[in-house]
Amino acid sequence: MFTHKGRFFVVGRRNIAGRSARGKGILPESVWNAWSMVFYSLTRKRTCLYEINPNTLELYPLVDLPSKGDTAFAGIVPLSEDTYYLVNYSSPLEGFNLPWIGGQLIESRLYGFILDFSEVK
């Protein structure tokens, strides 16, 4: 998590399919939990830059960073007042668009990005 001009941001994993826990319905909790984990593991993920609403603590996705497969353990450092260097790991960007669990079975690489917030008010 980092702040920029009084706004709060975080970089994290985004499930392209949306939330995996969508309500249990009539299933027993143990069955629902197992299904939720399977669903999450079989869907595709991205590393996303989110803005945090400090009043509600809700996350708002701003942009997906180049990423796929097993991804989203980022580190970030400021370079200047408006730029940041972000390093993230991901399954190879030029490879197949694997679901999260598939990405865990192949290599991961580190990718670096410069985030420019010079036009953020």
PDB file of N, CA and C in Angstrom:
ATOM      1  N   MET A   1       0.844  -1.164   0.000  1.00  0.00           N
ATOM      2  CA  MET A   1       0.000   0.000   0.000  1.00  0.00           C
ATOM      3  C   MET A   1       0.899   1.239   0.000  1.00  0.00           C
ATOM      4  N   PHE A   2       0.439   2.279  -0.692  1.00  0.00           N
ATOM      5  CA  PHE A   2       1.176   3.537  -0.702  1.00  0.00           C
ATOM      6  C   PHE A   2       0.193   4.687  -0.866  1.00  0.00           C
ATOM      7  N   THR A   3       0.655   5.872  -0.529  1.00  0.00           N
ATOM      8  CA  THR A   3      -0.177   7.061  -0.680  1.00  0.00           C
ATOM      9  C   THR A   3       0.448   7.976  -1.725  1.00  0.00           C
ATOM     10  N   HIS A   4      -0.414   8.724  -2.384  1.00  0.00           N
ATOM     11  CA  HIS A   4       0.039   9.725  -3.349  1.00  0.00           C
ATOM     12  C   HIS A   4      -0.930  10.893  -3.269  1.00  0.00           C
ATOM     13  N   LYS A   5      -0.405  12.050  -2.890  1.00  0.00           N
ATOM     14  CA  LYS A   5      -1.208  13.279  -2.787  1.00  0.00           C
ATOM     15  C   LYS A   5      -2.495  13.050  -1.984  1.00  0.00           C
ATOM     16  N   GLY A   6      -2.360  12.344  -0.866  1.00  0.00           N
ATOM     17  CA  GLY A   6      -3.493  12.130   0.028  1.00  0.00           C
ATOM     18  C   GLY A   6      -4.438  11.018  -0.368  1.00  0.00           C
ATOM     19  N   ARG A   7      -4.145  10.335  -1.456  1.00  0.00           N
ATOM     20  CA  ARG A   7      -4.981   9.209  -1.891  1.00  0.00           C
ATOM     21  C   ARG A   7      -4.248   7.912  -1.575  1.00  0.00           C
ATOM     22  N   PHE A   8      -5.003   6.834  -1.382  1.00  0.00           N
ATOM     23  CA  PHE A   8      -4.450   5.550  -0.969  1.00  0.00           C
ATOM     24  C   PHE A   8      -4.571   4.531  -2.096  1.00  0.00           C
ATOM     25  N   PHE A   9      -3.473   3.800  -2.322  1.00  0.00           N
ATOM     26  CA  PHE A   9      -3.421   2.818  -3.398  1.00  0.00           C
ATOM     27  C   PHE A   9      -2.825   1.517  -2.872  1.00  0.00           C
ATOM     28  N   VAL A  10      -3.166   0.441  -3.535  1.00  0.00           N
ATOM     29  CA  VAL A  10      -2.586  -0.861  -3.217  1.00  0.00           C
ATOM     30  C   VAL A  10      -2.476  -1.647  -4.521  1.00  0.00           C
ATOM     31  N   VAL A  11      -1.465  -2.494  -4.588  1.00  0.00           N
ATOM     32  CA  VAL A  11      -1.296  -3.389  -5.731  1.00  0.00           C
ATOM     33  C   VAL A  11      -1.594  -4.795  -5.233  1.00  0.00           C
ATOM     34  N   GLY A  12      -2.465  -5.498  -5.938  1.00  0.00           N
ATOM     35  CA  GLY A  12      -2.840  -6.839  -5.503  1.00  0.00           C
ATOM     36  C   GLY A  12      -3.397  -7.668  -6.641  1.00  0.00           C
ATOM     37  N   ARG A  13      -3.758  -8.883  -6.315  1.00  0.00           N
ATOM     38  CA  ARG A  13      -4.292  -9.820  -7.305  1.00  0.00           C
ATOM     39  C   ARG A  13      -5.766  -9.513  -7.570  1.00  0.00           C
ATOM     40  N   ARG A  14      -6.139  -9.592  -8.858  1.00  0.00           N
ATOM     41  CA  ARG A  14      -7.546  -9.445  -9.256  1.00  0.00           C
ATOM     42  C   ARG A  14      -7.992 -10.721  -9.940  1.00  0.00           C
ATOM     43  N   ASN A  15      -9.104 -11.245  -9.501  1.00  0.00           N
ATOM     44  CA  ASN A  15      -9.692 -12.429 -10.114  1.00  0.00           C
ATOM     45  C   ASN A  15     -10.548 -11.961 -11.287  1.00  0.00           C
ATOM     46  N   ILE A  16     -10.150 -12.296 -12.504  1.00  0.00           N
ATOM     47  CA  ILE A  16     -10.863 -11.830 -13.694  1.00  0.00           C
ATOM     48  C   ILE A  16     -12.327 -12.261 -13.674  1.00  0.00           C
ATOM     49  N   ALA A  17     -12.615 -13.428 -13.106  1.00  0.00           N
ATOM     50  CA  ALA A  17     -13.986 -13.942 -13.059  1.00  0.00           C
ATOM     51  C   ALA A  17     -14.834 -13.259 -11.989  1.00  0.00           C
ATOM     52  N   GLY A  18     -14.241 -12.398 -11.206  1.00  0.00           N
ATOM     53  CA  GLY A  18     -14.979 -11.749 -10.126  1.00  0.00           C
ATOM     54  C   GLY A  18     -14.788 -12.488  -8.812  1.00  0.00           C
ATOM     55  N   ARG A  19     -15.589 -12.155  -7.859  1.00  0.00           N
ATOM     56  CA  ARG A  19     -15.475 -12.767  -6.532  1.00  0.00           C
ATOM     57  C   ARG A  19     -15.758 -14.260  -6.606  1.00  0.00           C
ATOM     58  N   SER A  20     -14.955 -15.044  -5.905  1.00  0.00           N
ATOM     59  CA  SER A  20     -15.187 -16.493  -5.897  1.00  0.00           C
ATOM     60  C   SER A  20     -16.207 -16.882  -4.838  1.00  0.00           C
ATOM     61  N   ALA A  21     -16.331 -16.124  -3.783  1.00  0.00           N
ATOM     62  CA  ALA A  21     -17.313 -16.418  -2.734  1.00  0.00           C
ATOM     63  C   ALA A  21     -18.570 -15.608  -3.022  1.00  0.00           C
ATOM     64  N   ARG A  22     -19.544 -16.236  -3.645  1.00  0.00           N
ATOM     65  CA  ARG A  22     -20.744 -15.518  -4.081  1.00  0.00           C
ATOM     66  C   ARG A  22     -21.995 -15.911  -3.302  1.00  0.00           C
ATOM     67  N   GLY A  23     -21.854 -16.499  -2.169  1.00  0.00           N
ATOM     68  CA  GLY A  23     -23.017 -16.911  -1.388  1.00  0.00           C
ATOM     69  C   GLY A  23     -23.163 -18.416  -1.404  1.00  0.00           C
ATOM     70  N   LYS A  24     -23.410 -18.986  -0.254  1.00  0.00           N
ATOM     71  CA  LYS A  24     -23.409 -20.442  -0.110  1.00  0.00           C
ATOM     72  C   LYS A  24     -24.641 -21.111  -0.693  1.00  0.00           C
ATOM     73  N   GLY A  25     -25.760 -20.463  -0.704  1.00  0.00           N
ATOM     74  CA  GLY A  25     -26.977 -21.120  -1.150  1.00  0.00           C
ATOM     75  C   GLY A  25     -27.347 -22.252  -0.201  1.00  0.00           C
ATOM     76  N   ILE A  26     -27.660 -23.417  -0.752  1.00  0.00           N
ATOM     77  CA  ILE A  26     -28.111 -24.545   0.073  1.00  0.00           C
ATOM     78  C   ILE A  26     -26.996 -25.526   0.411  1.00  0.00           C
ATOM     79  N   LEU A  27     -25.800 -25.286  -0.075  1.00  0.00           N
ATOM     80  CA  LEU A  27     -24.695 -26.216   0.171  1.00  0.00           C
ATOM     81  C   LEU A  27     -24.191 -26.117   1.606  1.00  0.00           C
ATOM     82  N   PRO A  28     -23.764 -27.253   2.182  1.00  0.00           N
ATOM     83  CA  PRO A  28     -23.102 -27.189   3.491  1.00  0.00           C
ATOM     84  C   PRO A  28     -21.835 -26.340   3.388  1.00  0.00           C
ATOM     85  N   GLU A  29     -21.464 -25.694   4.479  1.00  0.00           N
ATOM     86  CA  GLU A  29     -20.321 -24.782   4.463  1.00  0.00           C
ATOM     87  C   GLU A  29     -19.040 -25.459   3.989  1.00  0.00           C
ATOM     88  N   SER A  30     -18.787 -26.695   4.409  1.00  0.00           N
ATOM     89  CA  SER A  30     -17.556 -27.386   4.000  1.00  0.00           C
ATOM     90  C   SER A  30     -17.524 -27.620   2.492  1.00  0.00           C
ATOM     91  N   VAL A  31     -18.669 -27.968   1.912  1.00  0.00           N
ATOM     92  CA  VAL A  31     -18.744 -28.174   0.457  1.00  0.00           C
ATOM     93  C   VAL A  31     -18.567 -26.838  -0.257  1.00  0.00           C
ATOM     94  N   TRP A  32     -19.220 -25.805   0.249  1.00  0.00           N
ATOM     95  CA  TRP A  32     -19.098 -24.487  -0.364  1.00  0.00           C
ATOM     96  C   TRP A  32     -17.660 -23.984  -0.323  1.00  0.00           C
ATOM     97  N   ASN A  33     -16.983 -24.157   0.807  1.00  0.00           N
ATOM     98  CA  ASN A  33     -15.592 -23.716   0.923  1.00  0.00           C
ATOM     99  C   ASN A  33     -14.695 -24.445  -0.064  1.00  0.00           C
ATOM    100  N   ALA A  34     -14.900 -25.753  -0.226  1.00  0.00           N
ATOM    101  CA  ALA A  34     -14.104 -26.528  -1.189  1.00  0.00           C
ATOM    102  C   ALA A  34     -14.379 -26.039  -2.612  1.00  0.00           C
ATOM    103  N   TRP A  35     -15.639 -25.846  -2.963  1.00  0.00           N
ATOM    104  CA  TRP A  35     -15.989 -25.363  -4.298  1.00  0.00           C
ATOM    105  C   TRP A  35     -15.389 -23.976  -4.550  1.00  0.00           C
ATOM    106  N   SER A  36     -15.460 -23.112  -3.561  1.00  0.00           N
ATOM    107  CA  SER A  36     -14.922 -21.767  -3.705  1.00  0.00           C
ATOM    108  C   SER A  36     -13.421 -21.804  -3.989  1.00  0.00           C
ATOM    109  N   MET A  37     -12.691 -22.684  -3.305  1.00  0.00           N
ATOM    110  CA  MET A  37     -11.246 -22.804  -3.524  1.00  0.00           C
ATOM    111  C   MET A  37     -10.947 -23.356  -4.922  1.00  0.00           C
ATOM    112  N   VAL A  38     -11.719 -24.340  -5.365  1.00  0.00           N
ATOM    113  CA  VAL A  38     -11.532 -24.890  -6.717  1.00  0.00           C
ATOM    114  C   VAL A  38     -11.810 -23.807  -7.754  1.00  0.00           C
ATOM    115  N   PHE A  39     -12.918 -23.096  -7.597  1.00  0.00           N
ATOM    116  CA  PHE A  39     -13.277 -22.035  -8.531  1.00  0.00           C
ATOM    117  C   PHE A  39     -12.169 -20.984  -8.603  1.00  0.00           C
ATOM    118  N   TYR A  40     -11.683 -20.551  -7.443  1.00  0.00           N
ATOM    119  CA  TYR A  40     -10.625 -19.541  -7.397  1.00  0.00           C
ATOM    120  C   TYR A  40      -9.360 -20.044  -8.088  1.00  0.00           C
ATOM    121  N   SER A  41      -8.997 -21.287  -7.851  1.00  0.00           N
ATOM    122  CA  SER A  41      -7.767 -21.851  -8.415  1.00  0.00           C
ATOM    123  C   SER A  41      -7.833 -21.988  -9.927  1.00  0.00           C
ATOM    124  N   LEU A  42      -9.019 -22.198 -10.467  1.00  0.00           N
ATOM    125  CA  LEU A  42      -9.172 -22.451 -11.901  1.00  0.00           C
ATOM    126  C   LEU A  42      -9.475 -21.197 -12.721  1.00  0.00           C
ATOM    127  N   THR A  43      -9.521 -20.046 -12.080  1.00  0.00           N
ATOM    128  CA  THR A  43      -9.784 -18.818 -12.822  1.00  0.00           C
ATOM    129  C   THR A  43      -8.493 -18.033 -13.037  1.00  0.00           C
ATOM    130  N   ARG A  44      -8.535 -17.150 -14.016  1.00  0.00           N
ATOM    131  CA  ARG A  44      -7.361 -16.354 -14.370  1.00  0.00           C
ATOM    132  C   ARG A  44      -7.247 -15.134 -13.455  1.00  0.00           C
ATOM    133  N   LYS A  45      -6.006 -14.728 -13.223  1.00  0.00           N
ATOM    134  CA  LYS A  45      -5.725 -13.601 -12.336  1.00  0.00           C
ATOM    135  C   LYS A  45      -4.879 -12.554 -13.059  1.00  0.00           C
ATOM    136  N   ARG A  46      -4.910 -11.353 -12.532  1.00  0.00           N
ATOM    137  CA  ARG A  46      -4.050 -10.265 -12.979  1.00  0.00           C
ATOM    138  C   ARG A  46      -3.545  -9.521 -11.745  1.00  0.00           C
ATOM    139  N   THR A  47      -2.440  -8.812 -11.927  1.00  0.00           N
ATOM    140  CA  THR A  47      -1.981  -7.885 -10.906  1.00  0.00           C
ATOM    141  C   THR A  47      -2.618  -6.541 -11.225  1.00  0.00           C
ATOM    142  N   CYS A  48      -3.247  -5.947 -10.234  1.00  0.00           N
ATOM    143  CA  CYS A  48      -4.057  -4.750 -10.453  1.00  0.00           C
ATOM    144  C   CYS A  48      -3.642  -3.637  -9.496  1.00  0.00           C
ATOM    145  N   LEU A  49      -3.683  -2.415  -9.991  1.00  0.00           N
ATOM    146  CA  LEU A  49      -3.532  -1.237  -9.148  1.00  0.00           C
ATOM    147  C   LEU A  49      -4.934  -0.806  -8.724  1.00  0.00           C
ATOM    148  N   TYR A  50      -5.149  -0.769  -7.419  1.00  0.00           N
ATOM    149  CA  TYR A  50      -6.438  -0.377  -6.853  1.00  0.00           C
ATOM    150  C   TYR A  50      -6.297   0.944  -6.106  1.00  0.00           C
ATOM    151  N   GLU A  51      -7.380   1.699  -6.065  1.00  0.00           N
ATOM    152  CA  GLU A  51      -7.461   2.820  -5.138  1.00  0.00           C
ATOM    153  C   GLU A  51      -8.346   2.386  -3.976  1.00  0.00           C
ATOM    154  N   ILE A  52      -7.970   2.803  -2.770  1.00  0.00           N
ATOM    155  CA  ILE A  52      -8.724   2.455  -1.568  1.00  0.00           C
ATOM    156  C   ILE A  52      -9.544   3.663  -1.131  1.00  0.00           C
ATOM    157  N   ASN A  53     -10.832   3.454  -0.913  1.00  0.00           N
ATOM    158  CA  ASN A  53     -11.664   4.494  -0.329  1.00  0.00           C
ATOM    159  C   ASN A  53     -11.409   4.465   1.177  1.00  0.00           C
ATOM    160  N   PRO A  54     -10.814   5.517   1.745  1.00  0.00           N
ATOM    161  CA  PRO A  54     -10.455   5.476   3.163  1.00  0.00           C
ATOM    162  C   PRO A  54     -11.658   5.459   4.108  1.00  0.00           C
ATOM    163  N   ASN A  55     -12.822   5.858   3.624  1.00  0.00           N
ATOM    164  CA  ASN A  55     -14.019   5.867   4.476  1.00  0.00           C
ATOM    165  C   ASN A  55     -14.691   4.504   4.545  1.00  0.00           C
ATOM    166  N   THR A  56     -14.720   3.799   3.418  1.00  0.00           N
ATOM    167  CA  THR A  56     -15.405   2.500   3.375  1.00  0.00           C
ATOM    168  C   THR A  56     -14.438   1.322   3.315  1.00  0.00           C
ATOM    169  N   LEU A  57     -13.157   1.605   3.055  1.00  0.00           N
ATOM    170  CA  LEU A  57     -12.111   0.591   2.852  1.00  0.00           C
ATOM    171  C   LEU A  57     -12.388  -0.297   1.640  1.00  0.00           C
ATOM    172  N   GLU A  58     -13.229   0.174   0.726  1.00  0.00           N
ATOM    173  CA  GLU A  58     -13.478  -0.561  -0.511  1.00  0.00           C
ATOM    174  C   GLU A  58     -12.335  -0.325  -1.490  1.00  0.00           C
ATOM    175  N   LEU A  59     -12.066  -1.358  -2.304  1.00  0.00           N
ATOM    176  CA  LEU A  59     -11.042  -1.274  -3.346  1.00  0.00           C
ATOM    177  C   LEU A  59     -11.706  -0.990  -4.685  1.00  0.00           C
ATOM    178  N   TYR A  60     -11.100  -0.095  -5.450  1.00  0.00           N
ATOM    179  CA  TYR A  60     -11.581   0.225  -6.789  1.00  0.00           C
ATOM    180  C   TYR A  60     -10.466  -0.064  -7.783  1.00  0.00           C
ATOM    181  N   PRO A  61     -10.661  -1.053  -8.674  1.00  0.00           N
ATOM    182  CA  PRO A  61      -9.608  -1.376  -9.639  1.00  0.00           C
ATOM    183  C   PRO A  61      -9.406  -0.225 -10.621  1.00  0.00           C
ATOM    184  N   LEU A  62      -8.139   0.159 -10.811  1.00  0.00           N
ATOM    185  CA  LEU A  62      -7.809   1.245 -11.733  1.00  0.00           C
ATOM    186  C   LEU A  62      -7.232   0.722 -13.034  1.00  0.00           C
ATOM    187  N   VAL A  63      -6.262  -0.189 -12.937  1.00  0.00           N
ATOM    188  CA  VAL A  63      -5.615  -0.707 -14.143  1.00  0.00           C
ATOM    189  C   VAL A  63      -4.972  -2.055 -13.832  1.00  0.00           C
ATOM    190  N   ASP A  64      -5.105  -2.975 -14.779  1.00  0.00           N
ATOM    191  CA  ASP A  64      -4.376  -4.239 -14.690  1.00  0.00           C
ATOM    192  C   ASP A  64      -2.979  -4.027 -15.244  1.00  0.00           C
ATOM    193  N   LEU A  65      -1.986  -4.479 -14.516  1.00  0.00           N
ATOM    194  CA  LEU A  65      -0.606  -4.436 -14.992  1.00  0.00           C
ATOM    195  C   LEU A  65      -0.337  -5.682 -15.827  1.00  0.00           C
ATOM    196  N   PRO A  66       0.641  -5.648 -16.733  1.00  0.00           N
ATOM    197  CA  PRO A  66       0.958  -6.845 -17.509  1.00  0.00           C
ATOM    198  C   PRO A  66       1.274  -8.008 -16.561  1.00  0.00           C
ATOM    199  N   SER A  67       0.458  -9.051 -16.631  1.00  0.00           N
ATOM    200  CA  SER A  67       0.593 -10.186 -15.715  1.00  0.00           C
ATOM    201  C   SER A  67      -0.349 -11.293 -16.164  1.00  0.00           C
ATOM    202  N   LYS A  68      -0.057 -12.507 -15.697  1.00  0.00           N
ATOM    203  CA  LYS A  68      -0.951 -13.638 -15.963  1.00  0.00           C
ATOM    204  C   LYS A  68      -0.515 -14.822 -15.125  1.00  0.00           C
ATOM    205  N   GLY A  69      -1.366 -15.837 -15.082  1.00  0.00           N
ATOM    206  CA  GLY A  69      -1.040 -17.056 -14.343  1.00  0.00           C
ATOM    207  C   GLY A  69      -0.908 -16.797 -12.860  1.00  0.00           C
ATOM    208  N   ASP A  70       0.189 -17.258 -12.281  1.00  0.00           N
ATOM    209  CA  ASP A  70       0.476 -17.025 -10.866  1.00  0.00           C
ATOM    210  C   ASP A  70       1.140 -15.663 -10.756  1.00  0.00           C
ATOM    211  N   THR A  71       0.508 -14.728 -10.088  1.00  0.00           N
ATOM    212  CA  THR A  71       0.972 -13.349 -10.106  1.00  0.00           C
ATOM    213  C   THR A  71       0.557 -12.599  -8.848  1.00  0.00           C
ATOM    214  N   ALA A  72       1.122 -11.435  -8.668  1.00  0.00           N
ATOM    215  CA  ALA A  72       0.646 -10.430  -7.707  1.00  0.00           C
ATOM    216  C   ALA A  72       1.298 -10.465  -6.337  1.00  0.00           C
ATOM    217  N   PHE A  73       2.595 -10.480  -6.296  1.00  0.00           N
ATOM    218  CA  PHE A  73       3.315 -10.156  -5.064  1.00  0.00           C
ATOM    219  C   PHE A  73       4.255  -9.018  -5.419  1.00  0.00           C
ATOM    220  N   ALA A  74       3.749  -7.819  -5.312  1.00  0.00           N
ATOM    221  CA  ALA A  74       4.463  -6.645  -5.811  1.00  0.00           C
ATOM    222  C   ALA A  74       5.180  -5.905  -4.691  1.00  0.00           C
ATOM    223  N   GLY A  75       6.227  -5.197  -5.080  1.00  0.00           N
ATOM    224  CA  GLY A  75       6.924  -4.263  -4.210  1.00  0.00           C
ATOM    225  C   GLY A  75       7.039  -2.944  -4.942  1.00  0.00           C
ATOM    226  N   ILE A  76       7.009  -1.845  -4.202  1.00  0.00           N
ATOM    227  CA  ILE A  76       7.014  -0.540  -4.850  1.00  0.00           C
ATOM    228  C   ILE A  76       7.882   0.432  -4.053  1.00  0.00           C
ATOM    229  N   VAL A  77       8.622   1.282  -4.782  1.00  0.00           N
ATOM    230  CA  VAL A  77       9.438   2.328  -4.151  1.00  0.00           C
ATOM    231  C   VAL A  77       9.246   3.622  -4.939  1.00  0.00           C
ATOM    232  N   PRO A  78       9.282   4.766  -4.257  1.00  0.00           N
ATOM    233  CA  PRO A  78       9.171   6.035  -4.976  1.00  0.00           C
ATOM    234  C   PRO A  78      10.474   6.352  -5.701  1.00  0.00           C
ATOM    235  N   LEU A  79      10.347   6.895  -6.908  1.00  0.00           N
ATOM    236  CA  LEU A  79      11.504   7.388  -7.662  1.00  0.00           C
ATOM    237  C   LEU A  79      11.584   8.907  -7.602  1.00  0.00           C
ATOM    238  N   SER A  80      10.422   9.530  -7.579  1.00  0.00           N
ATOM    239  CA  SER A  80      10.333  10.990  -7.499  1.00  0.00           C
ATOM    240  C   SER A  80       8.990  11.324  -6.856  1.00  0.00           C
ATOM    241  N   GLU A  81       8.642  12.588  -6.868  1.00  0.00           N
ATOM    242  CA  GLU A  81       7.366  13.000  -6.273  1.00  0.00           C
ATOM    243  C   GLU A  81       6.170  12.339  -6.961  1.00  0.00           C
ATOM    244  N   ASP A  82       6.291  12.052  -8.263  1.00  0.00           N
ATOM    245  CA  ASP A  82       5.158  11.529  -9.026  1.00  0.00           C
ATOM    246  C   ASP A  82       5.395  10.177  -9.688  1.00  0.00           C
ATOM    247  N   THR A  83       6.558   9.585  -9.519  1.00  0.00           N
ATOM    248  CA  THR A  83       6.813   8.296 -10.167  1.00  0.00           C
ATOM    249  C   THR A  83       7.251   7.257  -9.136  1.00  0.00           C
ATOM    250  N   TYR A  84       6.893   6.019  -9.444  1.00  0.00           N
ATOM    251  CA  TYR A  84       7.190   4.887  -8.568  1.00  0.00           C
ATOM    252  C   TYR A  84       7.703   3.739  -9.421  1.00  0.00           C
ATOM    253  N   TYR A  85       8.591   2.957  -8.842  1.00  0.00           N
ATOM    254  CA  TYR A  85       9.077   1.747  -9.512  1.00  0.00           C
ATOM    255  C   TYR A  85       8.426   0.561  -8.829  1.00  0.00           C
ATOM    256  N   LEU A  86       7.736  -0.243  -9.621  1.00  0.00           N
ATOM    257  CA  LEU A  86       7.018  -1.397  -9.112  1.00  0.00           C
ATOM    258  C   LEU A  86       7.620  -2.658  -9.705  1.00  0.00           C
ATOM    259  N   VAL A  87       7.905  -3.632  -8.876  1.00  0.00           N
ATOM    260  CA  VAL A  87       8.371  -4.943  -9.330  1.00  0.00           C
ATOM    261  C   VAL A  87       7.314  -5.960  -8.940  1.00  0.00           C
ATOM    262  N   ASN A  88       6.984  -6.833  -9.866  1.00  0.00           N
ATOM    263  CA  ASN A  88       5.964  -7.848  -9.651  1.00  0.00           C
ATOM    264  C   ASN A  88       6.442  -9.163 -10.244  1.00  0.00           C
ATOM    265  N   TYR A  89       5.955 -10.257  -9.697  1.00  0.00           N
ATOM    266  CA  TYR A  89       6.253 -11.540 -10.324  1.00  0.00           C
ATOM    267  C   TYR A  89       5.015 -12.026 -11.055  1.00  0.00           C
ATOM    268  N   SER A  90       5.243 -12.783 -12.121  1.00  0.00           N
ATOM    269  CA  SER A  90       4.151 -13.285 -12.944  1.00  0.00           C
ATOM    270  C   SER A  90       4.635 -14.499 -13.712  1.00  0.00           C
ATOM    271  N   SER A  91       3.691 -15.329 -14.125  1.00  0.00           N
ATOM    272  CA  SER A  91       4.019 -16.331 -15.130  1.00  0.00           C
ATOM    273  C   SER A  91       4.476 -15.568 -16.372  1.00  0.00           C
ATOM    274  N   PRO A  92       5.255 -16.195 -17.259  1.00  0.00           N
ATOM    275  CA  PRO A  92       5.776 -15.474 -18.427  1.00  0.00           C
ATOM    276  C   PRO A  92       4.675 -14.756 -19.221  1.00  0.00           C
ATOM    277  N   LEU A  93       4.890 -13.487 -19.502  1.00  0.00           N
ATOM    278  CA  LEU A  93       3.890 -12.684 -20.200  1.00  0.00           C
ATOM    279  C   LEU A  93       3.650 -13.161 -21.623  1.00  0.00           C
ATOM    280  N   GLU A  94       4.675 -13.732 -22.239  1.00  0.00           N
ATOM    281  CA  GLU A  94       4.525 -14.193 -23.619  1.00  0.00           C
ATOM    282  C   GLU A  94       3.962 -15.611 -23.689  1.00  0.00           C
ATOM    283  N   GLY A  95       3.698 -16.206 -22.553  1.00  0.00           N
ATOM    284  CA  GLY A  95       3.198 -17.580 -22.506  1.00  0.00           C
ATOM    285  C   GLY A  95       1.679 -17.644 -22.594  1.00  0.00           C
ATOM    286  N   PHE A  96       1.166 -18.828 -22.314  1.00  0.00           N
ATOM    287  CA  PHE A  96      -0.275 -19.057 -22.342  1.00  0.00           C
ATOM    288  C   PHE A  96      -0.964 -18.284 -21.217  1.00  0.00           C
ATOM    289  N   ASN A  97      -2.219 -17.970 -21.431  1.00  0.00           N
ATOM    290  CA  ASN A  97      -3.025 -17.280 -20.427  1.00  0.00           C
ATOM    291  C   ASN A  97      -3.614 -18.325 -19.475  1.00  0.00           C
ATOM    292  N   LEU A  98      -2.780 -18.812 -18.575  1.00  0.00           N
ATOM    293  CA  LEU A  98      -3.152 -19.915 -17.695  1.00  0.00           C
ATOM    294  C   LEU A  98      -3.997 -19.448 -16.518  1.00  0.00           C
ATOM    295  N   PRO A  99      -4.841 -20.347 -15.997  1.00  0.00           N
ATOM    296  CA  PRO A  99      -5.483 -20.031 -14.726  1.00  0.00           C
ATOM    297  C   PRO A  99      -4.434 -19.995 -13.617  1.00  0.00           C
ATOM    298  N   TRP A 100      -4.823 -19.483 -12.484  1.00  0.00           N
ATOM    299  CA  TRP A 100      -3.893 -19.291 -11.369  1.00  0.00           C
ATOM    300  C   TRP A 100      -3.148 -20.571 -11.009  1.00  0.00           C
ATOM    301  N   ILE A 101      -3.841 -21.683 -10.850  1.00  0.00           N
ATOM    302  CA  ILE A 101      -3.170 -22.918 -10.438  1.00  0.00           C
ATOM    303  C   ILE A 101      -2.214 -23.414 -11.519  1.00  0.00           C
ATOM    304  N   GLY A 102      -2.560 -23.222 -12.788  1.00  0.00           N
ATOM    305  CA  GLY A 102      -1.658 -23.604 -13.875  1.00  0.00           C
ATOM    306  C   GLY A 102      -0.377 -22.794 -13.850  1.00  0.00           C
ATOM    307  N   GLY A 103      -0.498 -21.517 -13.508  1.00  0.00           N
ATOM    308  CA  GLY A 103       0.678 -20.666 -13.412  1.00  0.00           C
ATOM    309  C   GLY A 103       1.616 -21.076 -12.295  1.00  0.00           C
ATOM    310  N   GLN A 104       1.098 -21.738 -11.273  1.00  0.00           N
ATOM    311  CA  GLN A 104       1.941 -22.196 -10.168  1.00  0.00           C
ATOM    312  C   GLN A 104       2.805 -23.389 -10.558  1.00  0.00           C
ATOM    313  N   LEU A 105       2.482 -24.013 -11.670  1.00  0.00           N
ATOM    314  CA  LEU A 105       3.213 -25.208 -12.097  1.00  0.00           C
ATOM    315  C   LEU A 105       4.357 -24.898 -13.050  1.00  0.00           C
ATOM    316  N   ILE A 106       4.465 -23.651 -13.485  1.00  0.00           N
ATOM    317  CA  ILE A 106       5.539 -23.274 -14.403  1.00  0.00           C
ATOM    318  C   ILE A 106       6.385 -22.180 -13.754  1.00  0.00           C
ATOM    319  N   GLU A 107       7.375 -21.722 -14.474  1.00  0.00           N
ATOM    320  CA  GLU A 107       8.272 -20.697 -13.930  1.00  0.00           C
ATOM    321  C   GLU A 107       7.549 -19.372 -13.710  1.00  0.00           C
ATOM    322  N   SER A 108       8.110 -18.571 -12.851  1.00  0.00           N
ATOM    323  CA  SER A 108       7.675 -17.189 -12.652  1.00  0.00           C
ATOM    324  C   SER A 108       8.854 -16.280 -12.961  1.00  0.00           C
ATOM    325  N   ARG A 109       8.542 -15.073 -13.363  1.00  0.00           N
ATOM    326  CA  ARG A 109       9.573 -14.084 -13.675  1.00  0.00           C
ATOM    327  C   ARG A 109       9.264 -12.786 -12.945  1.00  0.00           C
ATOM    328  N   LEU A 110      10.295 -11.967 -12.786  1.00  0.00           N
ATOM    329  CA  LEU A 110      10.112 -10.639 -12.214  1.00  0.00           C
ATOM    330  C   LEU A 110      10.011  -9.618 -13.341  1.00  0.00           C
ATOM    331  N   TYR A 111       9.063  -8.706 -13.210  1.00  0.00           N
ATOM    332  CA  TYR A 111       8.862  -7.648 -14.189  1.00  0.00           C
ATOM    333  C   TYR A 111       8.836  -6.314 -13.457  1.00  0.00           C
ATOM    334  N   GLY A 112       9.478  -5.309 -14.038  1.00  0.00           N
ATOM    335  CA  GLY A 112       9.513  -3.981 -13.443  1.00  0.00           C
ATOM    336  C   GLY A 112       8.736  -2.980 -14.283  1.00  0.00           C
ATOM    337  N   PHE A 113       8.067  -2.050 -13.618  1.00  0.00           N
ATOM    338  CA  PHE A 113       7.254  -1.035 -14.281  1.00  0.00           C
ATOM    339  C   PHE A 113       7.475   0.308 -13.598  1.00  0.00           C
ATOM    340  N   ILE A 114       7.391   1.356 -14.358  1.00  0.00           N
ATOM    341  CA  ILE A 114       7.379   2.694 -13.776  1.00  0.00           C
ATOM    342  C   ILE A 114       5.941   3.202 -13.826  1.00  0.00           C
ATOM    343  N   LEU A 115       5.422   3.552 -12.659  1.00  0.00           N
ATOM    344  CA  LEU A 115       4.084   4.139 -12.565  1.00  0.00           C
ATOM    345  C   LEU A 115       4.244   5.648 -12.495  1.00  0.00           C
ATOM    346  N   ASP A 116       3.587   6.343 -13.405  1.00  0.00           N
ATOM    347  CA  ASP A 116       3.683   7.800 -13.477  1.00  0.00           C
ATOM    348  C   ASP A 116       2.357   8.407 -13.019  1.00  0.00           C
ATOM    349  N   PHE A 117       2.389   9.083 -11.903  1.00  0.00           N
ATOM    350  CA  PHE A 117       1.201   9.710 -11.337  1.00  0.00           C
ATOM    351  C   PHE A 117       1.207  11.220 -11.562  1.00  0.00           C
ATOM    352  N   SER A 118       1.979  11.703 -12.523  1.00  0.00           N
ATOM    353  CA  SER A 118       2.127  13.152 -12.704  1.00  0.00           C
ATOM    354  C   SER A 118       0.813  13.840 -13.065  1.00  0.00           C
ATOM    355  N   GLU A 119      -0.136  13.109 -13.636  1.00  0.00           N
ATOM    356  CA  GLU A 119      -1.414  13.726 -13.992  1.00  0.00           C
ATOM    357  C   GLU A 119      -2.518  13.406 -12.994  1.00  0.00           C
ATOM    358  N   VAL A 120      -2.179  12.712 -11.908  1.00  0.00           N
ATOM    359  CA  VAL A 120      -3.166  12.404 -10.873  1.00  0.00           C
ATOM    360  C   VAL A 120      -3.356  13.632 -10.001  1.00  0.00           C
ATOM    361  N   LYS A 121      -4.567  14.034  -9.816  1.00  0.00           N
ATOM    362  CA  LYS A 121      -4.871  15.237  -9.021  1.00  0.00           C
ATOM    363  C   LYS A 121      -5.085  14.874  -7.568  1.00  0.00           C
TER     364      LYS A 121
END
